[in-house]
Amino acid sequence: MINAEILLRQGDKPQMGKVIGRTISPQGKTMVSYHENLILNSIIYYVEFPDGEVKEYAANILAENLLSQVDENGHLRLMLDSIVDYRKDPNKAVAIADKFVATRKGQQQLRKTTQGWDLLVRWRDGTES
């Protein structure tokens, strides 16, 4: 589960959160029991959201959300309906002149990043974030 990105409701809108670790006791042990069946697993995980907020979620809640977001082949089902608006932060976005980086072998490779771009999206349930 650690490093999994899961769409979870945070307040009134869905947000993508990243599982960053398990809760542990002061003695360094997991607080609750592990089960191979994720639905029966009761370990508590920390999930970090894009705004920096960290919340605790039980493994079975994360598993339910994760399983609801994939099809029968394990591929992510897109919950996004459309991109409503966007904006570019010129101080953070990569400039056109810097769109290529040199590899160790000296070849030019296209830089892949969304740094500096904000998207306003409409989810399938009609909410926007």
N, C-alpha and C. Protein backbone atom coordinates (compact mmCIF):
# COMPACT_ATOMS: atom_id res chain seq x y z
N MET A 1 0.82 -1.21 0.00
CA MET A 1 0.00 0.00 0.00
C MET A 1 0.86 1.27 0.00
N ILE A 2 2.05 1.20 0.59
CA ILE A 2 2.88 2.40 0.67
C ILE A 2 3.28 2.84 -0.73
N ASN A 3 3.15 4.14 -0.98
CA ASN A 3 3.39 4.82 -2.26
C ASN A 3 2.21 4.70 -3.22
N ALA A 4 1.15 4.01 -2.84
CA ALA A 4 -0.04 3.95 -3.70
C ALA A 4 -0.70 5.32 -3.73
N GLU A 5 -1.19 5.71 -4.90
CA GLU A 5 -1.95 6.96 -5.03
C GLU A 5 -3.41 6.59 -5.19
N ILE A 6 -4.24 7.13 -4.30
CA ILE A 6 -5.64 6.73 -4.22
C ILE A 6 -6.51 7.97 -4.18
N LEU A 7 -7.58 7.94 -4.95
CA LEU A 7 -8.55 9.03 -4.94
C LEU A 7 -9.45 8.85 -3.73
N LEU A 8 -9.41 9.83 -2.81
CA LEU A 8 -10.20 9.78 -1.58
C LEU A 8 -10.98 11.07 -1.43
N ARG A 9 -12.10 11.00 -0.74
CA ARG A 9 -12.86 12.22 -0.45
C ARG A 9 -12.17 12.95 0.68
N GLN A 10 -11.89 14.22 0.44
CA GLN A 10 -11.35 15.08 1.49
C GLN A 10 -12.29 16.27 1.54
N GLY A 11 -13.11 16.30 2.57
CA GLY A 11 -14.16 17.33 2.64
C GLY A 11 -15.25 16.97 1.65
N ASP A 12 -15.62 17.94 0.81
CA ASP A 12 -16.72 17.70 -0.13
C ASP A 12 -16.25 17.33 -1.53
N LYS A 13 -14.94 17.15 -1.73
CA LYS A 13 -14.46 16.83 -3.07
C LYS A 13 -13.42 15.72 -3.03
N PRO A 14 -13.31 14.96 -4.12
CA PRO A 14 -12.30 13.92 -4.18
C PRO A 14 -10.93 14.52 -4.45
N GLN A 15 -9.92 13.96 -3.79
CA GLN A 15 -8.54 14.39 -4.02
C GLN A 15 -7.64 13.17 -4.04
N MET A 16 -6.61 13.25 -4.85
CA MET A 16 -5.65 12.16 -4.92
C MET A 16 -4.73 12.27 -3.71
N GLY A 17 -4.61 11.20 -2.97
CA GLY A 17 -3.71 11.15 -1.83
C GLY A 17 -2.66 10.07 -2.05
N LYS A 18 -1.52 10.23 -1.41
CA LYS A 18 -0.45 9.24 -1.54
C LYS A 18 -0.21 8.60 -0.18
N VAL A 19 -0.22 7.28 -0.13
CA VAL A 19 0.05 6.54 1.10
C VAL A 19 1.54 6.67 1.38
N ILE A 20 1.87 7.28 2.53
CA ILE A 20 3.28 7.56 2.82
C ILE A 20 3.88 6.69 3.92
N GLY A 21 3.06 5.92 4.62
CA GLY A 21 3.62 5.06 5.66
C GLY A 21 2.57 4.50 6.58
N ARG A 22 3.00 3.58 7.45
CA ARG A 22 2.11 2.97 8.44
C ARG A 22 2.28 3.67 9.77
N THR A 23 1.21 3.68 10.55
CA THR A 23 1.33 4.20 11.90
C THR A 23 2.06 3.14 12.73
N ILE A 24 2.91 3.60 13.62
CA ILE A 24 3.64 2.66 14.47
C ILE A 24 3.58 3.13 15.92
N SER A 25 3.74 2.18 16.82
CA SER A 25 3.74 2.49 18.25
C SER A 25 5.08 3.09 18.64
N PRO A 26 5.17 3.66 19.84
CA PRO A 26 6.47 4.18 20.29
C PRO A 26 7.56 3.11 20.33
N GLN A 27 7.16 1.83 20.41
CA GLN A 27 8.13 0.73 20.42
C GLN A 27 8.56 0.33 19.01
N GLY A 28 7.99 1.00 17.98
CA GLY A 28 8.38 0.72 16.60
C GLY A 28 7.62 -0.42 15.94
N LYS A 29 6.49 -0.83 16.52
CA LYS A 29 5.70 -1.91 15.95
C LYS A 29 4.41 -1.36 15.36
N THR A 30 3.85 -2.08 14.39
CA THR A 30 2.58 -1.65 13.83
C THR A 30 1.52 -1.73 14.90
N MET A 31 0.57 -0.80 14.85
CA MET A 31 -0.41 -0.66 15.93
C MET A 31 -1.51 -1.72 15.89
N VAL A 32 -1.86 -2.22 14.72
CA VAL A 32 -2.94 -3.21 14.61
C VAL A 32 -2.49 -4.34 13.71
N SER A 33 -3.39 -5.29 13.46
CA SER A 33 -2.99 -6.52 12.79
C SER A 33 -3.02 -6.44 11.26
N TYR A 34 -2.11 -7.20 10.66
CA TYR A 34 -2.02 -7.31 9.21
C TYR A 34 -2.76 -8.56 8.76
N HIS A 35 -3.43 -8.48 7.62
CA HIS A 35 -4.07 -9.64 7.02
C HIS A 35 -3.81 -9.57 5.52
N GLU A 36 -3.51 -10.70 4.88
CA GLU A 36 -3.21 -10.69 3.44
C GLU A 36 -4.39 -10.18 2.63
N ASN A 37 -5.61 -10.47 3.07
CA ASN A 37 -6.80 -9.95 2.41
C ASN A 37 -6.93 -8.49 2.83
N LEU A 38 -6.72 -7.56 1.88
CA LEU A 38 -6.70 -6.13 2.22
C LEU A 38 -7.99 -5.65 2.88
N ILE A 39 -9.12 -6.28 2.56
CA ILE A 39 -10.39 -5.88 3.15
C ILE A 39 -10.41 -6.19 4.65
N LEU A 40 -9.69 -7.24 5.07
CA LEU A 40 -9.64 -7.62 6.49
C LEU A 40 -8.44 -7.01 7.22
N ASN A 41 -7.58 -6.35 6.48
CA ASN A 41 -6.39 -5.73 7.05
C ASN A 41 -6.80 -4.49 7.84
N SER A 42 -6.36 -4.38 9.09
CA SER A 42 -6.76 -3.23 9.91
C SER A 42 -5.59 -2.30 10.25
N ILE A 43 -4.47 -2.43 9.53
CA ILE A 43 -3.34 -1.52 9.75
C ILE A 43 -3.76 -0.12 9.35
N ILE A 44 -3.30 0.86 10.09
CA ILE A 44 -3.60 2.27 9.81
C ILE A 44 -2.42 2.87 9.04
N TYR A 45 -2.75 3.56 7.95
CA TYR A 45 -1.73 4.19 7.10
C TYR A 45 -1.89 5.71 7.12
N TYR A 46 -0.78 6.40 6.91
CA TYR A 46 -0.80 7.85 6.72
C TYR A 46 -0.95 8.13 5.24
N VAL A 47 -1.88 9.04 4.90
CA VAL A 47 -2.09 9.46 3.52
C VAL A 47 -1.85 10.96 3.45
N GLU A 48 -0.99 11.37 2.50
CA GLU A 48 -0.68 12.79 2.32
C GLU A 48 -1.40 13.31 1.07
N PHE A 49 -2.05 14.48 1.23
CA PHE A 49 -2.77 15.11 0.14
C PHE A 49 -1.93 16.25 -0.45
N PRO A 50 -2.28 16.71 -1.65
CA PRO A 50 -1.48 17.75 -2.32
C PRO A 50 -1.28 19.02 -1.51
N ASP A 51 -2.23 19.35 -0.63
CA ASP A 51 -2.10 20.56 0.18
C ASP A 51 -1.19 20.36 1.40
N GLY A 52 -0.61 19.15 1.53
CA GLY A 52 0.30 18.85 2.63
C GLY A 52 -0.36 18.23 3.84
N GLU A 53 -1.69 18.19 3.86
CA GLU A 53 -2.40 17.60 5.00
C GLU A 53 -2.18 16.08 5.00
N VAL A 54 -1.95 15.53 6.19
CA VAL A 54 -1.76 14.09 6.35
C VAL A 54 -2.87 13.58 7.24
N LYS A 55 -3.56 12.52 6.76
CA LYS A 55 -4.64 11.90 7.53
C LYS A 55 -4.37 10.41 7.66
N GLU A 56 -5.01 9.81 8.67
CA GLU A 56 -4.88 8.38 8.89
C GLU A 56 -6.09 7.66 8.29
N TYR A 57 -5.82 6.55 7.59
CA TYR A 57 -6.88 5.73 7.02
C TYR A 57 -6.57 4.27 7.29
N ALA A 58 -7.60 3.49 7.58
CA ALA A 58 -7.44 2.05 7.77
C ALA A 58 -7.21 1.40 6.40
N ALA A 59 -6.42 0.33 6.38
CA ALA A 59 -6.07 -0.35 5.14
C ALA A 59 -7.30 -0.81 4.38
N ASN A 60 -8.34 -1.26 5.11
CA ASN A 60 -9.54 -1.74 4.42
C ASN A 60 -10.27 -0.60 3.69
N ILE A 61 -10.24 0.60 4.25
CA ILE A 61 -10.85 1.76 3.58
C ILE A 61 -10.06 2.10 2.32
N LEU A 62 -8.73 2.09 2.44
CA LEU A 62 -7.89 2.37 1.28
C LEU A 62 -8.09 1.31 0.20
N ALA A 63 -8.19 0.04 0.61
CA ALA A 63 -8.39 -1.04 -0.35
C ALA A 63 -9.72 -0.90 -1.08
N GLU A 64 -10.79 -0.56 -0.35
CA GLU A 64 -12.10 -0.37 -0.99
C GLU A 64 -12.04 0.74 -2.02
N ASN A 65 -11.40 1.86 -1.66
CA ASN A 65 -11.29 2.98 -2.60
C ASN A 65 -10.44 2.60 -3.80
N LEU A 66 -9.34 1.92 -3.56
CA LEU A 66 -8.46 1.52 -4.65
C LEU A 66 -9.16 0.55 -5.59
N LEU A 67 -9.85 -0.43 -5.04
CA LEU A 67 -10.54 -1.41 -5.87
C LEU A 67 -11.70 -0.80 -6.65
N SER A 68 -12.32 0.24 -6.11
CA SER A 68 -13.41 0.90 -6.83
C SER A 68 -12.91 1.75 -7.99
N GLN A 69 -11.60 1.98 -8.05
CA GLN A 69 -11.02 2.84 -9.07
C GLN A 69 -10.34 2.07 -10.20
N VAL A 70 -10.42 0.74 -10.16
CA VAL A 70 -9.81 -0.06 -11.22
C VAL A 70 -10.85 -0.98 -11.85
N ASP A 71 -10.59 -1.37 -13.11
CA ASP A 71 -11.50 -2.29 -13.79
C ASP A 71 -11.10 -3.73 -13.48
N GLU A 72 -11.75 -4.70 -14.15
CA GLU A 72 -11.50 -6.11 -13.87
C GLU A 72 -10.08 -6.55 -14.25
N ASN A 73 -9.39 -5.75 -15.09
CA ASN A 73 -8.01 -6.07 -15.46
C ASN A 73 -6.98 -5.34 -14.62
N GLY A 74 -7.44 -4.56 -13.64
CA GLY A 74 -6.53 -3.83 -12.78
C GLY A 74 -6.09 -2.48 -13.32
N HIS A 75 -6.70 -2.04 -14.42
CA HIS A 75 -6.36 -0.74 -14.99
C HIS A 75 -7.18 0.36 -14.32
N LEU A 76 -6.55 1.50 -14.10
CA LEU A 76 -7.21 2.63 -13.45
C LEU A 76 -8.35 3.14 -14.30
N ARG A 77 -9.54 3.23 -13.70
CA ARG A 77 -10.68 3.84 -14.38
C ARG A 77 -10.61 5.32 -14.15
N LEU A 78 -10.74 6.06 -15.20
CA LEU A 78 -10.62 7.50 -15.10
C LEU A 78 -11.86 8.08 -14.45
N MET A 79 -11.68 8.76 -13.32
CA MET A 79 -12.78 9.39 -12.60
C MET A 79 -12.96 10.83 -13.07
N LEU A 80 -12.07 11.27 -13.94
CA LEU A 80 -12.08 12.63 -14.44
C LEU A 80 -13.08 12.76 -15.59
N ASP A 81 -13.92 13.78 -15.53
CA ASP A 81 -14.86 14.02 -16.61
C ASP A 81 -14.26 14.97 -17.65
N SER A 82 -13.72 16.11 -17.18
CA SER A 82 -13.14 17.07 -18.11
C SER A 82 -12.24 18.06 -17.39
N ILE A 83 -11.38 18.70 -18.16
CA ILE A 83 -10.56 19.80 -17.64
C ILE A 83 -11.34 21.07 -17.92
N VAL A 84 -11.70 21.80 -16.88
CA VAL A 84 -12.55 22.98 -17.00
C VAL A 84 -11.71 24.23 -17.27
N ASP A 85 -10.57 24.34 -16.60
CA ASP A 85 -9.73 25.53 -16.75
C ASP A 85 -8.31 25.16 -16.38
N TYR A 86 -7.36 26.02 -16.73
CA TYR A 86 -5.97 25.82 -16.36
C TYR A 86 -5.29 27.16 -16.20
N ARG A 87 -4.14 27.13 -15.53
CA ARG A 87 -3.31 28.33 -15.44
C ARG A 87 -1.85 27.90 -15.32
N LYS A 88 -0.99 28.79 -15.77
CA LYS A 88 0.45 28.54 -15.76
C LYS A 88 1.10 29.56 -14.85
N ASP A 89 1.94 29.09 -13.94
CA ASP A 89 2.73 29.98 -13.10
C ASP A 89 4.07 30.18 -13.80
N PRO A 90 4.29 31.35 -14.39
CA PRO A 90 5.52 31.55 -15.17
C PRO A 90 6.79 31.45 -14.34
N ASN A 91 6.70 31.60 -13.04
CA ASN A 91 7.87 31.50 -12.18
C ASN A 91 8.25 30.06 -11.85
N LYS A 92 7.30 29.12 -12.03
CA LYS A 92 7.56 27.73 -11.68
C LYS A 92 7.56 26.79 -12.89
N ALA A 93 6.82 27.13 -13.93
CA ALA A 93 6.72 26.27 -15.10
C ALA A 93 8.04 26.25 -15.86
N VAL A 94 8.33 25.12 -16.50
CA VAL A 94 9.55 24.99 -17.29
C VAL A 94 9.40 25.80 -18.57
N ALA A 95 10.38 26.65 -18.84
CA ALA A 95 10.35 27.49 -20.04
C ALA A 95 10.58 26.64 -21.29
N ILE A 96 10.07 27.11 -22.42
CA ILE A 96 10.24 26.40 -23.69
C ILE A 96 11.73 26.15 -23.96
N ALA A 97 12.57 27.13 -23.65
CA ALA A 97 14.00 26.99 -23.89
C ALA A 97 14.62 25.87 -23.06
N ASP A 98 13.98 25.49 -21.96
CA ASP A 98 14.51 24.46 -21.06
C ASP A 98 13.76 23.14 -21.17
N LYS A 99 13.03 22.94 -22.27
CA LYS A 99 12.19 21.75 -22.36
C LYS A 99 12.98 20.46 -22.59
N PHE A 100 14.27 20.57 -22.95
CA PHE A 100 15.10 19.39 -23.13
C PHE A 100 16.18 19.35 -22.06
N VAL A 101 16.54 18.13 -21.65
CA VAL A 101 17.65 17.92 -20.73
C VAL A 101 18.64 16.97 -21.39
N ALA A 102 19.89 17.06 -21.02
CA ALA A 102 20.92 16.19 -21.58
C ALA A 102 21.04 14.94 -20.72
N THR A 103 21.07 13.77 -21.37
CA THR A 103 21.27 12.51 -20.65
C THR A 103 22.76 12.34 -20.37
N ARG A 104 23.11 11.29 -19.65
CA ARG A 104 24.53 11.02 -19.36
C ARG A 104 25.34 10.79 -20.63
N LYS A 105 24.66 10.28 -21.65
CA LYS A 105 25.34 10.02 -22.92
C LYS A 105 25.38 11.26 -23.81
N GLY A 106 24.83 12.37 -23.31
CA GLY A 106 24.85 13.60 -24.08
C GLY A 106 23.69 13.78 -25.04
N GLN A 107 22.73 12.87 -25.02
CA GLN A 107 21.57 12.99 -25.90
C GLN A 107 20.55 13.94 -25.29
N GLN A 108 19.77 14.58 -26.14
CA GLN A 108 18.71 15.47 -25.68
C GLN A 108 17.44 14.65 -25.46
N GLN A 109 16.82 14.84 -24.29
CA GLN A 109 15.59 14.13 -23.95
C GLN A 109 14.56 15.14 -23.48
N LEU A 110 13.32 14.97 -23.93
CA LEU A 110 12.25 15.88 -23.55
C LEU A 110 11.99 15.77 -22.05
N ARG A 111 11.95 16.90 -21.36
CA ARG A 111 11.66 16.94 -19.93
C ARG A 111 10.15 16.73 -19.76
N LYS A 112 9.75 15.77 -18.94
CA LYS A 112 8.33 15.48 -18.71
C LYS A 112 7.96 15.97 -17.33
N THR A 113 7.20 17.06 -17.27
CA THR A 113 6.80 17.61 -15.98
C THR A 113 5.54 18.45 -16.14
N THR A 114 4.78 18.54 -15.08
CA THR A 114 3.63 19.44 -15.03
C THR A 114 3.88 20.54 -14.00
N GLN A 115 5.12 20.69 -13.60
CA GLN A 115 5.48 21.69 -12.60
C GLN A 115 5.06 23.08 -13.09
N GLY A 116 4.37 23.81 -12.23
CA GLY A 116 3.96 25.17 -12.57
C GLY A 116 2.62 25.27 -13.26
N TRP A 117 1.95 24.16 -13.49
CA TRP A 117 0.64 24.16 -14.13
C TRP A 117 -0.41 23.71 -13.12
N ASP A 118 -1.52 24.43 -13.05
CA ASP A 118 -2.66 24.06 -12.21
C ASP A 118 -3.84 23.78 -13.11
N LEU A 119 -4.55 22.69 -12.83
CA LEU A 119 -5.73 22.32 -13.61
C LEU A 119 -6.96 22.35 -12.72
N LEU A 120 -8.04 22.87 -13.25
CA LEU A 120 -9.34 22.78 -12.60
C LEU A 120 -10.09 21.69 -13.35
N VAL A 121 -10.43 20.61 -12.65
CA VAL A 121 -11.06 19.46 -13.30
C VAL A 121 -12.47 19.23 -12.76
N ARG A 122 -13.31 18.68 -13.60
CA ARG A 122 -14.65 18.25 -13.21
C ARG A 122 -14.62 16.73 -13.11
N TRP A 123 -15.02 16.20 -11.95
CA TRP A 123 -15.05 14.76 -11.74
C TRP A 123 -16.38 14.21 -12.24
N ARG A 124 -16.45 12.92 -12.40
CA ARG A 124 -17.69 12.28 -12.90
C ARG A 124 -18.88 12.51 -11.99
N ASP A 125 -18.63 12.76 -10.70
CA ASP A 125 -19.76 13.01 -9.78
C ASP A 125 -20.23 14.47 -9.83
N GLY A 126 -19.63 15.29 -10.73
CA GLY A 126 -20.07 16.66 -10.91
C GLY A 126 -19.31 17.69 -10.10
N THR A 127 -18.49 17.27 -9.14
CA THR A 127 -17.73 18.21 -8.34
C THR A 127 -16.50 18.68 -9.12
N GLU A 128 -15.97 19.82 -8.72
CA GLU A 128 -14.78 20.37 -9.37
C GLU A 128 -13.69 20.59 -8.32
N SER A 129 -12.46 20.39 -8.73
CA SER A 129 -11.32 20.68 -7.85
C SER A 129 -10.10 20.98 -8.69
